[in-house]
């Protein structure tokens, strides 16, 4: 799952012309270099990152719990 999010983030970085958006996604990129990053942050911060990646509001909880589910670790 995190690999899919990394690809979404890379696409945003590669295609956006807005420097503020690009800067924010470069920070997200650094955070997500750590495979365990979602285990280390609080849920509000995780949801904010998922929103920035364009995850629909109704899917946030589902995606978040997949990211912290040890059984889902093998993308």
PDB file of N, CA and C in Angstrom:
ATOM      1  N   UNK A   1       0.812  -1.192   0.000  1.00  0.00           N
ATOM      2  CA  UNK A   1       0.000   0.000   0.000  1.00  0.00           C
ATOM      3  C   UNK A   1       0.862   1.266   0.000  1.00  0.00           C
ATOM      4  N   UNK A   2       1.915   1.261   0.804  1.00  0.00           N
ATOM      5  CA  UNK A   2       2.751   2.469   0.855  1.00  0.00           C
ATOM      6  C   UNK A   2       3.442   2.707  -0.487  1.00  0.00           C
ATOM      7  N   UNK A   3       3.751   1.651  -1.203  1.00  0.00           N
ATOM      8  CA  UNK A   3       4.368   1.822  -2.521  1.00  0.00           C
ATOM      9  C   UNK A   3       3.424   2.556  -3.467  1.00  0.00           C
ATOM     10  N   UNK A   4       2.149   2.237  -3.411  1.00  0.00           N
ATOM     11  CA  UNK A   4       1.153   2.924  -4.244  1.00  0.00           C
ATOM     12  C   UNK A   4       1.093   4.398  -3.885  1.00  0.00           C
ATOM     13  N   UNK A   5       1.145   4.691  -2.592  1.00  0.00           N
ATOM     14  CA  UNK A   5       1.124   6.086  -2.156  1.00  0.00           C
ATOM     15  C   UNK A   5       2.387   6.820  -2.585  1.00  0.00           C
ATOM     16  N   UNK A   6       3.496   6.142  -2.561  1.00  0.00           N
ATOM     17  CA  UNK A   6       4.749   6.759  -3.032  1.00  0.00           C
ATOM     18  C   UNK A   6       4.655   7.110  -4.508  1.00  0.00           C
ATOM     19  N   UNK A   7       4.039   6.238  -5.288  1.00  0.00           N
ATOM     20  CA  UNK A   7       3.880   6.508  -6.720  1.00  0.00           C
ATOM     21  C   UNK A   7       2.942   7.693  -6.958  1.00  0.00           C
ATOM     22  N   UNK A   8       1.867   7.762  -6.192  1.00  0.00           N
ATOM     23  CA  UNK A   8       0.950   8.902  -6.294  1.00  0.00           C
ATOM     24  C   UNK A   8       1.693  10.190  -5.962  1.00  0.00           C
ATOM     25  N   UNK A   9       2.477  10.156  -4.895  1.00  0.00           N
ATOM     26  CA  UNK A   9       3.229  11.342  -4.480  1.00  0.00           C
ATOM     27  C   UNK A   9       4.253  11.744  -5.532  1.00  0.00           C
ATOM     28  N   UNK A  10       4.946  10.770  -6.095  1.00  0.00           N
ATOM     29  CA  UNK A  10       5.943  11.058  -7.139  1.00  0.00           C
ATOM     30  C   UNK A  10       5.268  11.706  -8.344  1.00  0.00           C
ATOM     31  N   UNK A  11       4.105  11.205  -8.709  1.00  0.00           N
ATOM     32  CA  UNK A  11       3.376  11.772  -9.837  1.00  0.00           C
ATOM     33  C   UNK A  11       2.991  13.227  -9.563  1.00  0.00           C
ATOM     34  N   UNK A  12       2.555  13.501  -8.341  1.00  0.00           N
ATOM     35  CA  UNK A  12       2.205  14.881  -7.980  1.00  0.00           C
ATOM     36  C   UNK A  12       3.441  15.771  -8.076  1.00  0.00           C
ATOM     37  N   UNK A  13       4.558  15.300  -7.537  1.00  0.00           N
ATOM     38  CA  UNK A  13       5.802  16.077  -7.586  1.00  0.00           C
ATOM     39  C   UNK A  13       6.216  16.342  -9.031  1.00  0.00           C
ATOM     40  N   UNK A  14       6.110  15.326  -9.874  1.00  0.00           N
ATOM     41  CA  UNK A  14       6.551  15.441 -11.263  1.00  0.00           C
ATOM     42  C   UNK A  14       5.635  16.305 -12.125  1.00  0.00           C
ATOM     43  N   UNK A  15       4.365  16.432 -11.757  1.00  0.00           N
ATOM     44  CA  UNK A  15       3.424  17.114 -12.640  1.00  0.00           C
ATOM     45  C   UNK A  15       2.957  18.481 -12.155  1.00  0.00           C
ATOM     46  N   UNK A  16       3.115  18.774 -10.872  1.00  0.00           N
ATOM     47  CA  UNK A  16       2.595  20.059 -10.375  1.00  0.00           C
ATOM     48  C   UNK A  16       3.501  21.220 -10.768  1.00  0.00           C
ATOM     49  N   UNK A  17       2.876  22.322 -11.023  1.00  0.00           N
ATOM     50  CA  UNK A  17       3.613  23.545 -11.324  1.00  0.00           C
ATOM     51  C   UNK A  17       3.623  24.491 -10.128  1.00  0.00           C
ATOM     52  N   UNK A  18       2.807  24.185  -9.135  1.00  0.00           N
ATOM     53  CA  UNK A  18       2.694  25.013  -7.934  1.00  0.00           C
ATOM     54  C   UNK A  18       3.846  24.679  -6.984  1.00  0.00           C
ATOM     55  N   UNK A  19       4.705  25.644  -6.735  1.00  0.00           N
ATOM     56  CA  UNK A  19       5.893  25.387  -5.906  1.00  0.00           C
ATOM     57  C   UNK A  19       5.523  25.037  -4.464  1.00  0.00           C
ATOM     58  N   UNK A  20       4.433  25.602  -3.935  1.00  0.00           N
ATOM     59  CA  UNK A  20       4.007  25.262  -2.575  1.00  0.00           C
ATOM     60  C   UNK A  20       3.565  23.808  -2.486  1.00  0.00           C
ATOM     61  N   UNK A  21       2.818  23.356  -3.476  1.00  0.00           N
ATOM     62  CA  UNK A  21       2.372  21.959  -3.515  1.00  0.00           C
ATOM     63  C   UNK A  21       3.579  21.049  -3.652  1.00  0.00           C
ATOM     64  N   UNK A  22       4.490  21.408  -4.553  1.00  0.00           N
ATOM     65  CA  UNK A  22       5.678  20.588  -4.767  1.00  0.00           C
ATOM     66  C   UNK A  22       6.504  20.494  -3.482  1.00  0.00           C
ATOM     67  N   UNK A  23       6.691  21.615  -2.795  1.00  0.00           N
ATOM     68  CA  UNK A  23       7.459  21.614  -1.544  1.00  0.00           C
ATOM     69  C   UNK A  23       6.813  20.702  -0.499  1.00  0.00           C
ATOM     70  N   UNK A  24       5.485  20.782  -0.374  1.00  0.00           N
ATOM     71  CA  UNK A  24       4.765  19.950   0.587  1.00  0.00           C
ATOM     72  C   UNK A  24       4.937  18.465   0.241  1.00  0.00           C
ATOM     73  N   UNK A  25       4.874  18.142  -1.035  1.00  0.00           N
ATOM     74  CA  UNK A  25       4.989  16.746  -1.441  1.00  0.00           C
ATOM     75  C   UNK A  25       6.434  16.237  -1.373  1.00  0.00           C
ATOM     76  N   UNK A  26       7.388  17.118  -1.471  1.00  0.00           N
ATOM     77  CA  UNK A  26       8.782  16.708  -1.249  1.00  0.00           C
ATOM     78  C   UNK A  26       8.986  16.321   0.220  1.00  0.00           C
ATOM     79  N   UNK A  27       8.324  17.045   1.112  1.00  0.00           N
ATOM     80  CA  UNK A  27       8.383  16.691   2.537  1.00  0.00           C
ATOM     81  C   UNK A  27       7.688  15.353   2.770  1.00  0.00           C
ATOM     82  N   UNK A  28       6.520  15.176   2.163  1.00  0.00           N
ATOM     83  CA  UNK A  28       5.810  13.900   2.273  1.00  0.00           C
ATOM     84  C   UNK A  28       6.680  12.773   1.730  1.00  0.00           C
ATOM     85  N   UNK A  29       7.381  13.038   0.654  1.00  0.00           N
ATOM     86  CA  UNK A  29       8.280  12.037   0.072  1.00  0.00           C
ATOM     87  C   UNK A  29       9.346  11.611   1.072  1.00  0.00           C
ATOM     88  N   UNK A  30       9.928  12.571   1.760  1.00  0.00           N
ATOM     89  CA  UNK A  30      10.946  12.260   2.771  1.00  0.00           C
ATOM     90  C   UNK A  30      10.355  11.421   3.903  1.00  0.00           C
ATOM     91  N   UNK A  31       9.168  11.798   4.342  1.00  0.00           N
ATOM     92  CA  UNK A  31       8.514  11.056   5.426  1.00  0.00           C
ATOM     93  C   UNK A  31       8.257   9.621   5.004  1.00  0.00           C
ATOM     94  N   UNK A  32       7.752   9.444   3.783  1.00  0.00           N
ATOM     95  CA  UNK A  32       7.354   8.113   3.332  1.00  0.00           C
ATOM     96  C   UNK A  32       8.523   7.244   2.867  1.00  0.00           C
ATOM     97  N   UNK A  33       9.741   7.767   2.931  1.00  0.00           N
ATOM     98  CA  UNK A  33      10.902   6.913   2.664  1.00  0.00           C
ATOM     99  C   UNK A  33      11.012   5.808   3.716  1.00  0.00           C
ATOM    100  N   UNK A  34      10.498   6.086   4.894  1.00  0.00           N
ATOM    101  CA  UNK A  34      10.478   5.121   5.996  1.00  0.00           C
ATOM    102  C   UNK A  34       9.238   4.240   5.850  1.00  0.00           C
ATOM    103  N   UNK A  35       9.438   2.948   5.634  1.00  0.00           N
ATOM    104  CA  UNK A  35       8.317   2.020   5.479  1.00  0.00           C
ATOM    105  C   UNK A  35       7.396   2.014   6.685  1.00  0.00           C
ATOM    106  N   UNK A  36       7.898   2.394   7.830  1.00  0.00           N
ATOM    107  CA  UNK A  36       7.122   2.386   9.073  1.00  0.00           C
ATOM    108  C   UNK A  36       6.576   3.757   9.460  1.00  0.00           C
ATOM    109  N   UNK A  37       6.615   4.696   8.552  1.00  0.00           N
ATOM    110  CA  UNK A  37       6.259   6.075   8.902  1.00  0.00           C
ATOM    111  C   UNK A  37       4.849   6.206   9.460  1.00  0.00           C
ATOM    112  N   UNK A  38       3.892   5.448   8.940  1.00  0.00           N
ATOM    113  CA  UNK A  38       2.517   5.588   9.424  1.00  0.00           C
ATOM    114  C   UNK A  38       2.333   4.992  10.812  1.00  0.00           C
ATOM    115  N   UNK A  39       3.242   4.106  11.220  1.00  0.00           N
ATOM    116  CA  UNK A  39       3.220   3.580  12.585  1.00  0.00           C
ATOM    117  C   UNK A  39       3.733   4.621  13.579  1.00  0.00           C
ATOM    118  N   UNK A  40       4.536   5.556  13.094  1.00  0.00           N
ATOM    119  CA  UNK A  40       5.228   6.504  13.960  1.00  0.00           C
ATOM    120  C   UNK A  40       4.504   7.841  14.113  1.00  0.00           C
ATOM    121  N   UNK A  41       3.435   8.052  13.359  1.00  0.00           N
ATOM    122  CA  UNK A  41       2.743   9.345  13.427  1.00  0.00           C
ATOM    123  C   UNK A  41       1.333   9.171  13.986  1.00  0.00           C
ATOM    124  N   UNK A  42       0.790  10.252  14.481  1.00  0.00           N
ATOM    125  CA  UNK A  42      -0.573  10.170  14.991  1.00  0.00           C
ATOM    126  C   UNK A  42      -1.556  10.137  13.817  1.00  0.00           C
ATOM    127  N   UNK A  43      -2.771   9.726  14.112  1.00  0.00           N
ATOM    128  CA  UNK A  43      -3.765   9.504  13.072  1.00  0.00           C
ATOM    129  C   UNK A  43      -4.129  10.791  12.325  1.00  0.00           C
ATOM    130  N   UNK A  44      -4.159  11.923  13.023  1.00  0.00           N
ATOM    131  CA  UNK A  44      -4.501  13.181  12.367  1.00  0.00           C
ATOM    132  C   UNK A  44      -3.457  13.558  11.317  1.00  0.00           C
ATOM    133  N   UNK A  45      -2.202  13.358  11.655  1.00  0.00           N
ATOM    134  CA  UNK A  45      -1.106  13.654  10.727  1.00  0.00           C
ATOM    135  C   UNK A  45      -1.171  12.710   9.536  1.00  0.00           C
ATOM    136  N   UNK A  46      -1.433  11.437   9.798  1.00  0.00           N
ATOM    137  CA  UNK A  46      -1.544  10.445   8.723  1.00  0.00           C
ATOM    138  C   UNK A  46      -2.689  10.804   7.782  1.00  0.00           C
ATOM    139  N   UNK A  47      -3.831  11.174   8.348  1.00  0.00           N
ATOM    140  CA  UNK A  47      -4.974  11.553   7.525  1.00  0.00           C
ATOM    141  C   UNK A  47      -4.650  12.785   6.679  1.00  0.00           C
ATOM    142  N   UNK A  48      -3.913  13.731   7.234  1.00  0.00           N
ATOM    143  CA  UNK A  48      -3.534  14.925   6.481  1.00  0.00           C
ATOM    144  C   UNK A  48      -2.674  14.551   5.277  1.00  0.00           C
ATOM    145  N   UNK A  49      -1.743  13.636   5.468  1.00  0.00           N
ATOM    146  CA  UNK A  49      -0.906  13.183   4.357  1.00  0.00           C
ATOM    147  C   UNK A  49      -1.765  12.477   3.313  1.00  0.00           C
ATOM    148  N   UNK A  50      -2.649  11.604   3.762  1.00  0.00           N
ATOM    149  CA  UNK A  50      -3.518  10.893   2.818  1.00  0.00           C
ATOM    150  C   UNK A  50      -4.407  11.864   2.044  1.00  0.00           C
ATOM    151  N   UNK A  51      -4.896  12.897   2.711  1.00  0.00           N
ATOM    152  CA  UNK A  51      -5.691  13.918   2.007  1.00  0.00           C
ATOM    153  C   UNK A  51      -4.843  14.629   0.963  1.00  0.00           C
ATOM    154  N   UNK A  52      -3.616  14.986   1.331  1.00  0.00           N
ATOM    155  CA  UNK A  52      -2.716  15.645   0.377  1.00  0.00           C
ATOM    156  C   UNK A  52      -2.444  14.758  -0.835  1.00  0.00           C
ATOM    157  N   UNK A  53      -2.493  13.458  -0.629  1.00  0.00           N
ATOM    158  CA  UNK A  53      -2.263  12.520  -1.732  1.00  0.00           C
ATOM    159  C   UNK A  53      -3.532  12.274  -2.550  1.00  0.00           C
ATOM    160  N   UNK A  54      -4.620  12.926  -2.157  1.00  0.00           N
ATOM    161  CA  UNK A  54      -5.844  12.835  -2.929  1.00  0.00           C
ATOM    162  C   UNK A  54      -6.752  11.680  -2.572  1.00  0.00           C
ATOM    163  N   UNK A  55      -6.512  11.054  -1.432  1.00  0.00           N
ATOM    164  CA  UNK A  55      -7.378   9.961  -0.990  1.00  0.00           C
ATOM    165  C   UNK A  55      -8.727  10.569  -0.588  1.00  0.00           C
ATOM    166  N   UNK A  56      -9.822  10.059  -1.143  1.00  0.00           N
ATOM    167  CA  UNK A  56     -11.147  10.589  -0.787  1.00  0.00           C
ATOM    168  C   UNK A  56     -11.440  10.415   0.706  1.00  0.00           C
ATOM    169  N   UNK A  57     -12.161  11.368   1.247  1.00  0.00           N
ATOM    170  CA  UNK A  57     -12.472  11.394   2.679  1.00  0.00           C
ATOM    171  C   UNK A  57     -13.087  10.078   3.160  1.00  0.00           C
ATOM    172  N   UNK A  58     -13.970   9.500   2.361  1.00  0.00           N
ATOM    173  CA  UNK A  58     -14.650   8.274   2.773  1.00  0.00           C
ATOM    174  C   UNK A  58     -13.733   7.051   2.764  1.00  0.00           C
ATOM    175  N   UNK A  59     -12.538   7.173   2.204  1.00  0.00           N
ATOM    176  CA  UNK A  59     -11.587   6.061   2.170  1.00  0.00           C
ATOM    177  C   UNK A  59     -10.433   6.214   3.162  1.00  0.00           C
ATOM    178  N   UNK A  60     -10.344   7.347   3.846  1.00  0.00           N
ATOM    179  CA  UNK A  60      -9.204   7.611   4.729  1.00  0.00           C
ATOM    180  C   UNK A  60      -9.029   6.537   5.787  1.00  0.00           C
ATOM    181  N   UNK A  61     -10.100   6.215   6.490  1.00  0.00           N
ATOM    182  CA  UNK A  61      -9.998   5.241   7.570  1.00  0.00           C
ATOM    183  C   UNK A  61      -9.552   3.878   7.029  1.00  0.00           C
ATOM    184  N   UNK A  62     -10.159   3.425   5.944  1.00  0.00           N
ATOM    185  CA  UNK A  62      -9.817   2.137   5.344  1.00  0.00           C
ATOM    186  C   UNK A  62      -8.339   2.085   4.945  1.00  0.00           C
ATOM    187  N   UNK A  63      -7.871   3.118   4.238  1.00  0.00           N
ATOM    188  CA  UNK A  63      -6.471   3.159   3.783  1.00  0.00           C
ATOM    189  C   UNK A  63      -5.536   3.223   4.982  1.00  0.00           C
ATOM    190  N   UNK A  64      -5.858   4.064   5.948  1.00  0.00           N
ATOM    191  CA  UNK A  64      -5.002   4.196   7.129  1.00  0.00           C
ATOM    192  C   UNK A  64      -4.835   2.855   7.831  1.00  0.00           C
ATOM    193  N   UNK A  65      -5.944   2.154   8.056  1.00  0.00           N
ATOM    194  CA  UNK A  65      -5.847   0.882   8.766  1.00  0.00           C
ATOM    195  C   UNK A  65      -5.137  -0.188   7.943  1.00  0.00           C
ATOM    196  N   UNK A  66      -5.212  -0.105   6.637  1.00  0.00           N
ATOM    197  CA  UNK A  66      -4.420  -1.012   5.803  1.00  0.00           C
ATOM    198  C   UNK A  66      -2.923  -0.706   5.974  1.00  0.00           C
ATOM    199  N   UNK A  67      -2.592   0.567   6.083  1.00  0.00           N
ATOM    200  CA  UNK A  67      -1.189   0.963   6.226  1.00  0.00           C
ATOM    201  C   UNK A  67      -0.585   0.508   7.550  1.00  0.00           C
ATOM    202  N   UNK A  68      -1.412   0.413   8.586  1.00  0.00           N
ATOM    203  CA  UNK A  68      -0.859   0.016   9.891  1.00  0.00           C
ATOM    204  C   UNK A  68      -1.159  -1.443  10.233  1.00  0.00           C
ATOM    205  N   UNK A  69      -1.740  -2.177   9.299  1.00  0.00           N
ATOM    206  CA  UNK A  69      -2.030  -3.584   9.504  1.00  0.00           C
ATOM    207  C   UNK A  69      -0.790  -4.418   9.156  1.00  0.00           C
ATOM    208  N   UNK A  70      -0.208  -5.125  10.132  1.00  0.00           N
ATOM    209  CA  UNK A  70       0.996  -5.910   9.843  1.00  0.00           C
ATOM    210  C   UNK A  70       0.807  -6.939   8.728  1.00  0.00           C
ATOM    211  N   UNK A  71      -0.404  -7.432   8.556  1.00  0.00           N
ATOM    212  CA  UNK A  71      -0.664  -8.408   7.496  1.00  0.00           C
ATOM    213  C   UNK A  71      -0.600  -7.785   6.105  1.00  0.00           C
ATOM    214  N   UNK A  72      -0.723  -6.492   6.021  1.00  0.00           N
ATOM    215  CA  UNK A  72      -0.711  -5.792   4.741  1.00  0.00           C
ATOM    216  C   UNK A  72       0.682  -5.296   4.372  1.00  0.00           C
ATOM    217  N   UNK A  73       1.674  -5.628   5.123  1.00  0.00           N
ATOM    218  CA  UNK A  73       3.024  -5.091   4.927  1.00  0.00           C
ATOM    219  C   UNK A  73       3.635  -5.464   3.593  1.00  0.00           C
ATOM    220  N   UNK A  74       3.219  -6.555   2.993  1.00  0.00           N
ATOM    221  CA  UNK A  74       3.767  -6.970   1.695  1.00  0.00           C
ATOM    222  C   UNK A  74       2.947  -6.380   0.574  1.00  0.00           C
ATOM    223  N   UNK A  75       3.307  -5.149   0.194  1.00  0.00           N
ATOM    224  CA  UNK A  75       2.588  -4.454  -0.888  1.00  0.00           C
ATOM    225  C   UNK A  75       2.470  -5.415  -2.029  1.00  0.00           C
TER     226      UNK A  75
END
